Amino acid sequence: MTTERTVLVNDRVVVPLSDAMLRDGVADLRWRLRELVLSGARIIVVDIGSAGVLSSSAVAAMLSAHRACRARGGRLVIHNPDRRTLDLLRRTGLWRVLRQELT
């Protein structure tokens, strides 16, 4: 797995998502997000500004992490989505579930 810098501030974790991380495999992303939830992060912010097109598997991994965060009183936030990602979230109805932060 490509090592990406994860920033922890209080119980909020920022995970930068890159094309390299997606190329290495979505299973790595799924495990990394699960690891963060189990380590106590309540809010996981996935910065997708450097990532290209998100696959349905990547979105499913984020949705799974969001559900785990919600069970612990937190949430997953998608930071810096591009127009294509926003369209994907709208078409699937996930824009109501996964919060987006625009920059």
PDB file of N, CA and C in Angstrom:
ATOM      1  N   MET A   1       0.841  -1.184   0.000  1.00  0.00           N
ATOM      2  CA  MET A   1       0.000   0.000   0.000  1.00  0.00           C
ATOM      3  C   MET A   1       0.879   1.239   0.000  1.00  0.00           C
ATOM      4  N   THR A   2       0.518   2.221  -0.749  1.00  0.00           N
ATOM      5  CA  THR A   2       1.227   3.479  -0.751  1.00  0.00           C
ATOM      6  C   THR A   2       0.959   4.186   0.570  1.00  0.00           C
ATOM      7  N   THR A   3       2.022   4.673   1.194  1.00  0.00           N
ATOM      8  CA  THR A   3       1.857   5.358   2.469  1.00  0.00           C
ATOM      9  C   THR A   3       1.435   6.794   2.217  1.00  0.00           C
ATOM     10  N   GLU A   4       0.320   7.164   2.751  1.00  0.00           N
ATOM     11  CA  GLU A   4      -0.196   8.520   2.648  1.00  0.00           C
ATOM     12  C   GLU A   4      -0.167   9.124   4.042  1.00  0.00           C
ATOM     13  N   ARG A   5       0.072  10.406   4.113  1.00  0.00           N
ATOM     14  CA  ARG A   5       0.136  11.075   5.402  1.00  0.00           C
ATOM     15  C   ARG A   5      -1.274  11.268   5.941  1.00  0.00           C
ATOM     16  N   THR A   6      -1.493  10.748   7.140  1.00  0.00           N
ATOM     17  CA  THR A   6      -2.781  10.887   7.803  1.00  0.00           C
ATOM     18  C   THR A   6      -2.611  11.876   8.942  1.00  0.00           C
ATOM     19  N   VAL A   7      -3.481  12.860   9.011  1.00  0.00           N
ATOM     20  CA  VAL A   7      -3.386  13.902  10.024  1.00  0.00           C
ATOM     21  C   VAL A   7      -4.518  13.717  11.028  1.00  0.00           C
ATOM     22  N   LEU A   8      -4.165  13.634  12.318  1.00  0.00           N
ATOM     23  CA  LEU A   8      -5.151  13.469  13.378  1.00  0.00           C
ATOM     24  C   LEU A   8      -5.222  14.743  14.206  1.00  0.00           C
ATOM     25  N   VAL A   9      -6.413  15.325  14.304  1.00  0.00           N
ATOM     26  CA  VAL A   9      -6.647  16.494  15.143  1.00  0.00           C
ATOM     27  C   VAL A   9      -7.860  16.173  15.995  1.00  0.00           C
ATOM     28  N   ASN A  10      -7.633  16.070  17.319  1.00  0.00           N
ATOM     29  CA  ASN A  10      -8.661  15.628  18.256  1.00  0.00           C
ATOM     30  C   ASN A  10      -9.183  14.270  17.804  1.00  0.00           C
ATOM     31  N   ASP A  11     -10.457  14.148  17.532  1.00  0.00           N
ATOM     32  CA  ASP A  11     -10.994  12.867  17.065  1.00  0.00           C
ATOM     33  C   ASP A  11     -11.349  12.927  15.579  1.00  0.00           C
ATOM     34  N   ARG A  12     -10.754  13.882  14.877  1.00  0.00           N
ATOM     35  CA  ARG A  12     -10.977  14.072  13.437  1.00  0.00           C
ATOM     36  C   ARG A  12      -9.699  13.698  12.692  1.00  0.00           C
ATOM     37  N   VAL A  13      -9.816  12.783  11.750  1.00  0.00           N
ATOM     38  CA  VAL A  13      -8.674  12.303  10.981  1.00  0.00           C
ATOM     39  C   VAL A  13      -8.855  12.687   9.522  1.00  0.00           C
ATOM     40  N   VAL A  14      -7.810  13.244   8.920  1.00  0.00           N
ATOM     41  CA  VAL A  14      -7.843  13.578   7.499  1.00  0.00           C
ATOM     42  C   VAL A  14      -6.980  12.571   6.752  1.00  0.00           C
ATOM     43  N   VAL A  15      -7.592  11.897   5.780  1.00  0.00           N
ATOM     44  CA  VAL A  15      -6.901  10.891   4.979  1.00  0.00           C
ATOM     45  C   VAL A  15      -6.848  11.382   3.538  1.00  0.00           C
ATOM     46  N   PRO A  16      -5.645  11.736   3.043  1.00  0.00           N
ATOM     47  CA  PRO A  16      -5.559  12.125   1.635  1.00  0.00           C
ATOM     48  C   PRO A  16      -5.634  10.896   0.739  1.00  0.00           C
ATOM     49  N   LEU A  17      -6.505  10.929  -0.235  1.00  0.00           N
ATOM     50  CA  LEU A  17      -6.672   9.813  -1.160  1.00  0.00           C
ATOM     51  C   LEU A  17      -6.069  10.212  -2.501  1.00  0.00           C
ATOM     52  N   SER A  18      -5.203   9.364  -3.027  1.00  0.00           N
ATOM     53  CA  SER A  18      -4.530   9.665  -4.289  1.00  0.00           C
ATOM     54  C   SER A  18      -4.786   8.562  -5.306  1.00  0.00           C
ATOM     55  N   ASP A  19      -4.429   8.858  -6.547  1.00  0.00           N
ATOM     56  CA  ASP A  19      -4.538   7.844  -7.598  1.00  0.00           C
ATOM     57  C   ASP A  19      -3.677   6.631  -7.259  1.00  0.00           C
ATOM     58  N   ALA A  20      -2.492   6.879  -6.682  1.00  0.00           N
ATOM     59  CA  ALA A  20      -1.592   5.774  -6.328  1.00  0.00           C
ATOM     60  C   ALA A  20      -2.243   4.850  -5.305  1.00  0.00           C
ATOM     61  N   MET A  21      -2.925   5.426  -4.331  1.00  0.00           N
ATOM     62  CA  MET A  21      -3.597   4.611  -3.321  1.00  0.00           C
ATOM     63  C   MET A  21      -4.713   3.781  -3.957  1.00  0.00           C
ATOM     64  N   LEU A  22      -5.438   4.376  -4.875  1.00  0.00           N
ATOM     65  CA  LEU A  22      -6.512   3.650  -5.556  1.00  0.00           C
ATOM     66  C   LEU A  22      -5.958   2.564  -6.473  1.00  0.00           C
ATOM     67  N   ARG A  23      -4.813   2.848  -7.101  1.00  0.00           N
ATOM     68  CA  ARG A  23      -4.172   1.859  -7.967  1.00  0.00           C
ATOM     69  C   ARG A  23      -3.688   0.654  -7.174  1.00  0.00           C
ATOM     70  N   ASP A  24      -3.214   0.896  -5.941  1.00  0.00           N
ATOM     71  CA  ASP A  24      -2.705  -0.190  -5.096  1.00  0.00           C
ATOM     72  C   ASP A  24      -3.811  -1.144  -4.684  1.00  0.00           C
ATOM     73  N   GLY A  25      -5.021  -0.689  -4.736  1.00  0.00           N
ATOM     74  CA  GLY A  25      -6.146  -1.569  -4.429  1.00  0.00           C
ATOM     75  C   GLY A  25      -7.084  -0.973  -3.410  1.00  0.00           C
ATOM     76  N   VAL A  26      -8.344  -1.162  -3.659  1.00  0.00           N
ATOM     77  CA  VAL A  26      -9.374  -0.614  -2.782  1.00  0.00           C
ATOM     78  C   VAL A  26      -9.412  -1.361  -1.454  1.00  0.00           C
ATOM     79  N   ALA A  27      -8.952  -2.604  -1.445  1.00  0.00           N
ATOM     80  CA  ALA A  27      -8.922  -3.363  -0.186  1.00  0.00           C
ATOM     81  C   ALA A  27      -8.037  -2.652   0.832  1.00  0.00           C
ATOM     82  N   ASP A  28      -6.929  -2.064   0.365  1.00  0.00           N
ATOM     83  CA  ASP A  28      -6.053  -1.315   1.266  1.00  0.00           C
ATOM     84  C   ASP A  28      -6.770  -0.103   1.847  1.00  0.00           C
ATOM     85  N   LEU A  29      -7.540   0.577   1.016  1.00  0.00           N
ATOM     86  CA  LEU A  29      -8.321   1.724   1.492  1.00  0.00           C
ATOM     87  C   LEU A  29      -9.335   1.270   2.529  1.00  0.00           C
ATOM     88  N   ARG A  30     -10.030   0.185   2.239  1.00  0.00           N
ATOM     89  CA  ARG A  30     -11.032  -0.342   3.167  1.00  0.00           C
ATOM     90  C   ARG A  30     -10.396  -0.662   4.518  1.00  0.00           C
ATOM     91  N   TRP A  31      -9.242  -1.341   4.515  1.00  0.00           N
ATOM     92  CA  TRP A  31      -8.571  -1.692   5.769  1.00  0.00           C
ATOM     93  C   TRP A  31      -8.074  -0.456   6.503  1.00  0.00           C
ATOM     94  N   ARG A  32      -7.552   0.529   5.766  1.00  0.00           N
ATOM     95  CA  ARG A  32      -7.050   1.755   6.395  1.00  0.00           C
ATOM     96  C   ARG A  32      -8.185   2.507   7.088  1.00  0.00           C
ATOM     97  N   LEU A  33      -9.315   2.631   6.429  1.00  0.00           N
ATOM     98  CA  LEU A  33     -10.456   3.324   7.027  1.00  0.00           C
ATOM     99  C   LEU A  33     -10.980   2.570   8.239  1.00  0.00           C
ATOM    100  N   ARG A  34     -11.062   1.248   8.135  1.00  0.00           N
ATOM    101  CA  ARG A  34     -11.526   0.421   9.255  1.00  0.00           C
ATOM    102  C   ARG A  34     -10.574   0.558  10.446  1.00  0.00           C
ATOM    103  N   GLU A  35      -9.274   0.573  10.149  1.00  0.00           N
ATOM    104  CA  GLU A  35      -8.248   0.738  11.182  1.00  0.00           C
ATOM    105  C   GLU A  35      -8.442   2.056  11.940  1.00  0.00           C
ATOM    106  N   LEU A  36      -8.739   3.116  11.202  1.00  0.00           N
ATOM    107  CA  LEU A  36      -8.950   4.423  11.826  1.00  0.00           C
ATOM    108  C   LEU A  36     -10.172   4.419  12.737  1.00  0.00           C
ATOM    109  N   VAL A  37     -11.242   3.788  12.289  1.00  0.00           N
ATOM    110  CA  VAL A  37     -12.455   3.702  13.112  1.00  0.00           C
ATOM    111  C   VAL A  37     -12.157   2.939  14.398  1.00  0.00           C
ATOM    112  N   LEU A  38     -11.474   1.817  14.271  1.00  0.00           N
ATOM    113  CA  LEU A  38     -11.174   0.995  15.447  1.00  0.00           C
ATOM    114  C   LEU A  38     -10.190   1.662  16.396  1.00  0.00           C
ATOM    115  N   SER A  39      -9.378   2.595  15.878  1.00  0.00           N
ATOM    116  CA  SER A  39      -8.430   3.299  16.741  1.00  0.00           C
ATOM    117  C   SER A  39      -9.078   4.472  17.469  1.00  0.00           C
ATOM    118  N   GLY A  40     -10.367   4.716  17.197  1.00  0.00           N
ATOM    119  CA  GLY A  40     -11.085   5.734  17.955  1.00  0.00           C
ATOM    120  C   GLY A  40     -11.441   6.997  17.201  1.00  0.00           C
ATOM    121  N   ALA A  41     -11.100   7.081  15.922  1.00  0.00           N
ATOM    122  CA  ALA A  41     -11.458   8.275  15.145  1.00  0.00           C
ATOM    123  C   ALA A  41     -12.974   8.327  14.978  1.00  0.00           C
ATOM    124  N   ARG A  42     -13.563   9.444  15.361  1.00  0.00           N
ATOM    125  CA  ARG A  42     -15.017   9.584  15.213  1.00  0.00           C
ATOM    126  C   ARG A  42     -15.382  10.207  13.872  1.00  0.00           C
ATOM    127  N   ILE A  43     -14.543  11.123  13.415  1.00  0.00           N
ATOM    128  CA  ILE A  43     -14.802  11.791  12.141  1.00  0.00           C
ATOM    129  C   ILE A  43     -13.623  11.516  11.208  1.00  0.00           C
ATOM    130  N   ILE A  44     -13.908  10.883  10.089  1.00  0.00           N
ATOM    131  CA  ILE A  44     -12.876  10.607   9.090  1.00  0.00           C
ATOM    132  C   ILE A  44     -13.170  11.476   7.880  1.00  0.00           C
ATOM    133  N   VAL A  45     -12.201  12.314   7.531  1.00  0.00           N
ATOM    134  CA  VAL A  45     -12.322  13.187   6.368  1.00  0.00           C
ATOM    135  C   VAL A  45     -11.431  12.604   5.279  1.00  0.00           C
ATOM    136  N   VAL A  46     -12.034  12.179   4.181  1.00  0.00           N
ATOM    137  CA  VAL A  46     -11.275  11.633   3.060  1.00  0.00           C
ATOM    138  C   VAL A  46     -11.119  12.742   2.026  1.00  0.00           C
ATOM    139  N   ASP A  47      -9.878  13.223   1.864  1.00  0.00           N
ATOM    140  CA  ASP A  47      -9.585  14.288   0.906  1.00  0.00           C
ATOM    141  C   ASP A  47      -9.335  13.646  -0.453  1.00  0.00           C
ATOM    142  N   ILE A  48     -10.283  13.795  -1.358  1.00  0.00           N
ATOM    143  CA  ILE A  48     -10.180  13.143  -2.663  1.00  0.00           C
ATOM    144  C   ILE A  48      -9.741  14.113  -3.756  1.00  0.00           C
ATOM    145  N   GLY A  49      -9.222  15.265  -3.362  1.00  0.00           N
ATOM    146  CA  GLY A  49      -8.800  16.271  -4.333  1.00  0.00           C
ATOM    147  C   GLY A  49      -7.711  15.801  -5.274  1.00  0.00           C
ATOM    148  N   SER A  50      -6.847  14.892  -4.816  1.00  0.00           N
ATOM    149  CA  SER A  50      -5.753  14.390  -5.652  1.00  0.00           C
ATOM    150  C   SER A  50      -6.096  13.088  -6.345  1.00  0.00           C
ATOM    151  N   ALA A  51      -7.260  12.564  -6.086  1.00  0.00           N
ATOM    152  CA  ALA A  51      -7.666  11.294  -6.699  1.00  0.00           C
ATOM    153  C   ALA A  51      -8.402  11.572  -8.002  1.00  0.00           C
ATOM    154  N   GLY A  52      -8.329  10.634  -8.886  1.00  0.00           N
ATOM    155  CA  GLY A  52      -9.060  10.759 -10.148  1.00  0.00           C
ATOM    156  C   GLY A  52     -10.481  10.275  -9.961  1.00  0.00           C
ATOM    157  N   VAL A  53     -10.904   9.425 -10.842  1.00  0.00           N
ATOM    158  CA  VAL A  53     -12.259   8.885 -10.803  1.00  0.00           C
ATOM    159  C   VAL A  53     -12.367   7.842  -9.702  1.00  0.00           C
ATOM    160  N   LEU A  54     -13.391   7.967  -8.877  1.00  0.00           N
ATOM    161  CA  LEU A  54     -13.627   6.985  -7.820  1.00  0.00           C
ATOM    162  C   LEU A  54     -14.406   5.806  -8.383  1.00  0.00           C
ATOM    163  N   SER A  55     -13.934   4.622  -8.083  1.00  0.00           N
ATOM    164  CA  SER A  55     -14.655   3.423  -8.509  1.00  0.00           C
ATOM    165  C   SER A  55     -15.803   3.161  -7.544  1.00  0.00           C
ATOM    166  N   SER A  56     -16.711   2.313  -7.957  1.00  0.00           N
ATOM    167  CA  SER A  56     -17.814   1.951  -7.068  1.00  0.00           C
ATOM    168  C   SER A  56     -17.282   1.227  -5.836  1.00  0.00           C
ATOM    169  N   SER A  57     -16.172   0.508  -5.980  1.00  0.00           N
ATOM    170  CA  SER A  57     -15.562  -0.181  -4.833  1.00  0.00           C
ATOM    171  C   SER A  57     -15.007   0.811  -3.821  1.00  0.00           C
ATOM    172  N   ALA A  58     -14.417   1.908  -4.306  1.00  0.00           N
ATOM    173  CA  ALA A  58     -13.892   2.937  -3.403  1.00  0.00           C
ATOM    174  C   ALA A  58     -15.037   3.614  -2.656  1.00  0.00           C
ATOM    175  N   VAL A  59     -16.119   3.893  -3.361  1.00  0.00           N
ATOM    176  CA  VAL A  59     -17.291   4.500  -2.722  1.00  0.00           C
ATOM    177  C   VAL A  59     -17.879   3.534  -1.699  1.00  0.00           C
ATOM    178  N   ALA A  60     -17.922   2.250  -2.027  1.00  0.00           N
ATOM    179  CA  ALA A  60     -18.439   1.247  -1.090  1.00  0.00           C
ATOM    180  C   ALA A  60     -17.567   1.169   0.157  1.00  0.00           C
ATOM    181  N   ALA A  61     -16.248   1.285   0.002  1.00  0.00           N
ATOM    182  CA  ALA A  61     -15.340   1.266   1.157  1.00  0.00           C
ATOM    183  C   ALA A  61     -15.604   2.469   2.061  1.00  0.00           C
ATOM    184  N   MET A  62     -15.828   3.636   1.453  1.00  0.00           N
ATOM    185  CA  MET A  62     -16.122   4.832   2.249  1.00  0.00           C
ATOM    186  C   MET A  62     -17.481   4.717   2.926  1.00  0.00           C
ATOM    187  N   LEU A  63     -18.453   4.147   2.247  1.00  0.00           N
ATOM    188  CA  LEU A  63     -19.778   3.955   2.840  1.00  0.00           C
ATOM    189  C   LEU A  63     -19.709   2.994   4.025  1.00  0.00           C
ATOM    190  N   SER A  64     -18.933   1.941   3.899  1.00  0.00           N
ATOM    191  CA  SER A  64     -18.757   0.990   4.998  1.00  0.00           C
ATOM    192  C   SER A  64     -18.117   1.670   6.207  1.00  0.00           C
ATOM    193  N   ALA A  65     -17.089   2.493   5.954  1.00  0.00           N
ATOM    194  CA  ALA A  65     -16.437   3.223   7.047  1.00  0.00           C
ATOM    195  C   ALA A  65     -17.401   4.227   7.670  1.00  0.00           C
ATOM    196  N   HIS A  66     -18.225   4.856   6.844  1.00  0.00           N
ATOM    197  CA  HIS A  66     -19.218   5.806   7.356  1.00  0.00           C
ATOM    198  C   HIS A  66     -20.187   5.106   8.313  1.00  0.00           C
ATOM    199  N   ARG A  67     -20.641   3.927   7.920  1.00  0.00           N
ATOM    200  CA  ARG A  67     -21.561   3.172   8.785  1.00  0.00           C
ATOM    201  C   ARG A  67     -20.905   2.827  10.117  1.00  0.00           C
ATOM    202  N   ALA A  68     -19.637   2.425  10.069  1.00  0.00           N
ATOM    203  CA  ALA A  68     -18.918   2.100  11.307  1.00  0.00           C
ATOM    204  C   ALA A  68     -18.745   3.347  12.174  1.00  0.00           C
ATOM    205  N   CYS A  69     -18.459   4.483  11.540  1.00  0.00           N
ATOM    206  CA  CYS A  69     -18.337   5.744  12.285  1.00  0.00           C
ATOM    207  C   CYS A  69     -19.670   6.132  12.913  1.00  0.00           C
ATOM    208  N   ARG A  70     -20.758   5.991  12.159  1.00  0.00           N
ATOM    209  CA  ARG A  70     -22.086   6.336  12.670  1.00  0.00           C
ATOM    210  C   ARG A  70     -22.445   5.499  13.888  1.00  0.00           C
ATOM    211  N   ALA A  71     -22.043   4.233  13.878  1.00  0.00           N
ATOM    212  CA  ALA A  71     -22.323   3.356  15.017  1.00  0.00           C
ATOM    213  C   ALA A  71     -21.602   3.847  16.265  1.00  0.00           C
ATOM    214  N   ARG A  72     -20.541   4.622  16.083  1.00  0.00           N
ATOM    215  CA  ARG A  72     -19.775   5.169  17.206  1.00  0.00           C
ATOM    216  C   ARG A  72     -20.038   6.660  17.410  1.00  0.00           C
ATOM    217  N   GLY A  73     -21.082   7.169  16.762  1.00  0.00           N
ATOM    218  CA  GLY A  73     -21.451   8.574  16.938  1.00  0.00           C
ATOM    219  C   GLY A  73     -20.684   9.539  16.061  1.00  0.00           C
ATOM    220  N   GLY A  74     -20.049   9.060  15.006  1.00  0.00           N
ATOM    221  CA  GLY A  74     -19.258   9.920  14.126  1.00  0.00           C
ATOM    222  C   GLY A  74     -19.781   9.909  12.706  1.00  0.00           C
ATOM    223  N   ARG A  75     -18.877  10.212  11.771  1.00  0.00           N
ATOM    224  CA  ARG A  75     -19.262  10.233  10.360  1.00  0.00           C
ATOM    225  C   ARG A  75     -18.015  10.244   9.477  1.00  0.00           C
ATOM    226  N   LEU A  76     -18.223   9.970   8.206  1.00  0.00           N
ATOM    227  CA  LEU A  76     -17.179  10.105   7.202  1.00  0.00           C
ATOM    228  C   LEU A  76     -17.561  11.271   6.311  1.00  0.00           C
ATOM    229  N   VAL A  77     -16.590  12.114   6.009  1.00  0.00           N
ATOM    230  CA  VAL A  77     -16.811  13.306   5.194  1.00  0.00           C
ATOM    231  C   VAL A  77     -15.916  13.219   3.962  1.00  0.00           C
ATOM    232  N   ILE A  78     -16.468  13.527   2.799  1.00  0.00           N
ATOM    233  CA  ILE A  78     -15.677  13.586   1.573  1.00  0.00           C
ATOM    234  C   ILE A  78     -15.279  15.040   1.355  1.00  0.00           C
ATOM    235  N   HIS A  79     -13.970  15.286   1.358  1.00  0.00           N
ATOM    236  CA  HIS A  79     -13.440  16.643   1.221  1.00  0.00           C
ATOM    237  C   HIS A  79     -12.923  16.858  -0.201  1.00  0.00           C
ATOM    238  N   ASN A  80     -13.250  17.999  -0.759  1.00  0.00           N
ATOM    239  CA  ASN A  80     -12.730  18.429  -2.048  1.00  0.00           C
ATOM    240  C   ASN A  80     -13.150  17.536  -3.223  1.00  0.00           C
ATOM    241  N   PRO A  81     -14.427  17.154  -3.308  1.00  0.00           N
ATOM    242  CA  PRO A  81     -14.856  16.337  -4.447  1.00  0.00           C
ATOM    243  C   PRO A  81     -14.933  17.176  -5.726  1.00  0.00           C
ATOM    244  N   ASP A  82     -14.625  16.551  -6.844  1.00  0.00           N
ATOM    245  CA  ASP A  82     -14.767  17.252  -8.113  1.00  0.00           C
ATOM    246  C   ASP A  82     -16.203  17.082  -8.626  1.00  0.00           C
ATOM    247  N   ARG A  83     -16.476  17.709  -9.738  1.00  0.00           N
ATOM    248  CA  ARG A  83     -17.835  17.686 -10.297  1.00  0.00           C
ATOM    249  C   ARG A  83     -18.289  16.260 -10.613  1.00  0.00           C
ATOM    250  N   ARG A  84     -17.381  15.439 -11.134  1.00  0.00           N
ATOM    251  CA  ARG A  84     -17.726  14.061 -11.491  1.00  0.00           C
ATOM    252  C   ARG A  84     -18.124  13.263 -10.251  1.00  0.00           C
ATOM    253  N   THR A  85     -17.392  13.462  -9.152  1.00  0.00           N
ATOM    254  CA  THR A  85     -17.708  12.754  -7.908  1.00  0.00           C
ATOM    255  C   THR A  85     -19.038  13.228  -7.339  1.00  0.00           C
ATOM    256  N   LEU A  86     -19.274  14.535  -7.369  1.00  0.00           N
ATOM    257  CA  LEU A  86     -20.556  15.061  -6.892  1.00  0.00           C
ATOM    258  C   LEU A  86     -21.712  14.496  -7.707  1.00  0.00           C
ATOM    259  N   ASP A  87     -21.506  14.372  -9.020  1.00  0.00           N
ATOM    260  CA  ASP A  87     -22.536  13.796  -9.884  1.00  0.00           C
ATOM    261  C   ASP A  87     -22.787  12.334  -9.523  1.00  0.00           C
ATOM    262  N   LEU A  88     -21.713  11.589  -9.272  1.00  0.00           N
ATOM    263  CA  LEU A  88     -21.839  10.183  -8.869  1.00  0.00           C
ATOM    264  C   LEU A  88     -22.639  10.061  -7.569  1.00  0.00           C
ATOM    265  N   LEU A  89     -22.328  10.923  -6.600  1.00  0.00           N
ATOM    266  CA  LEU A  89     -23.040  10.884  -5.321  1.00  0.00           C
ATOM    267  C   LEU A  89     -24.518  11.242  -5.503  1.00  0.00           C
ATOM    268  N   ARG A  90     -24.805  12.181  -6.384  1.00  0.00           N
ATOM    269  CA  ARG A  90     -26.203  12.557  -6.653  1.00  0.00           C
ATOM    270  C   ARG A  90     -26.965  11.414  -7.314  1.00  0.00           C
ATOM    271  N   ARG A  91     -26.346  10.806  -8.343  1.00  0.00           N
ATOM    272  CA  ARG A  91     -27.026   9.731  -9.079  1.00  0.00           C
ATOM    273  C   ARG A  91     -27.314   8.524  -8.200  1.00  0.00           C
ATOM    274  N   THR A  92     -26.427   8.261  -7.245  1.00  0.00           N
ATOM    275  CA  THR A  92     -26.608   7.092  -6.380  1.00  0.00           C
ATOM    276  C   THR A  92     -27.410   7.410  -5.121  1.00  0.00           C
ATOM    277  N   GLY A  93     -27.676   8.692  -4.877  1.00  0.00           N
ATOM    278  CA  GLY A  93     -28.396   9.083  -3.670  1.00  0.00           C
ATOM    279  C   GLY A  93     -27.504   9.175  -2.444  1.00  0.00           C
ATOM    280  N   LEU A  94     -26.205   8.947  -2.626  1.00  0.00           N
ATOM    281  CA  LEU A  94     -25.292   8.974  -1.479  1.00  0.00           C
ATOM    282  C   LEU A  94     -24.958  10.386  -1.014  1.00  0.00           C
ATOM    283  N   TRP A  95     -25.350  11.397  -1.775  1.00  0.00           N
ATOM    284  CA  TRP A  95     -25.108  12.764  -1.337  1.00  0.00           C
ATOM    285  C   TRP A  95     -25.869  13.059  -0.048  1.00  0.00           C
ATOM    286  N   ARG A  96     -26.953  12.298   0.195  1.00  0.00           N
ATOM    287  CA  ARG A  96     -27.717  12.469   1.438  1.00  0.00           C
ATOM    288  C   ARG A  96     -27.050  11.769   2.614  1.00  0.00           C
ATOM    289  N   VAL A  97     -26.206  10.798   2.317  1.00  0.00           N
ATOM    290  CA  VAL A  97     -25.582   9.975   3.356  1.00  0.00           C
ATOM    291  C   VAL A  97     -24.180  10.468   3.691  1.00  0.00           C
ATOM    292  N   LEU A  98     -23.372  10.693   2.660  1.00  0.00           N
ATOM    293  CA  LEU A  98     -21.986  11.109   2.854  1.00  0.00           C
ATOM    294  C   LEU A  98     -21.884  12.627   2.727  1.00  0.00           C
ATOM    295  N   ARG A  99     -21.475  13.272   3.798  1.00  0.00           N
ATOM    296  CA  ARG A  99     -21.340  14.725   3.784  1.00  0.00           C
ATOM    297  C   ARG A  99     -20.158  15.121   2.901  1.00  0.00           C
ATOM    298  N   GLN A 100     -20.308  16.225   2.184  1.00  0.00           N
ATOM    299  CA  GLN A 100     -19.233  16.734   1.345  1.00  0.00           C
ATOM    300  C   GLN A 100     -18.780  18.092   1.852  1.00  0.00           C
ATOM    301  N   GLU A 101     -17.457  18.313   1.805  1.00  0.00           N
ATOM    302  CA  GLU A 101     -16.866  19.614   2.126  1.00  0.00           C
ATOM    303  C   GLU A 101     -16.212  20.129   0.857  1.00  0.00           C
ATOM    304  N   LEU A 102     -16.650  21.264   0.389  1.00  0.00           N
ATOM    305  CA  LEU A 102     -16.070  21.861  -0.809  1.00  0.00           C
ATOM    306  C   LEU A 102     -15.054  22.908  -0.404  1.00  0.00           C
ATOM    307  N   THR A 103     -13.997  23.048  -1.216  1.00  0.00           N
ATOM    308  CA  THR A 103     -13.002  24.088  -0.921  1.00  0.00           C
ATOM    309  C   THR A 103     -13.050  25.170  -1.952  1.00  0.00           C
TER     310      THR A 103
END
